[in-house]
């Protein structure tokens, strides 16, 4: 399924987006969680800056 999603993003305007993976450590368990999102290339720095706060 991932291949199909990636292949469809390579057509047309899909190259304008970047997959952002943000790591967060749980205070309760100490385990790491990952949040993935597709972000427009113009907004990548804003999303990463907001996540690091």
Foldseek 3Di string as FASTA:
>chain_A
DVVVVVVVLVPDPSVQKDKDWDWDADPVPRDIDIDIDIGGPVCPVVVVVVRVD
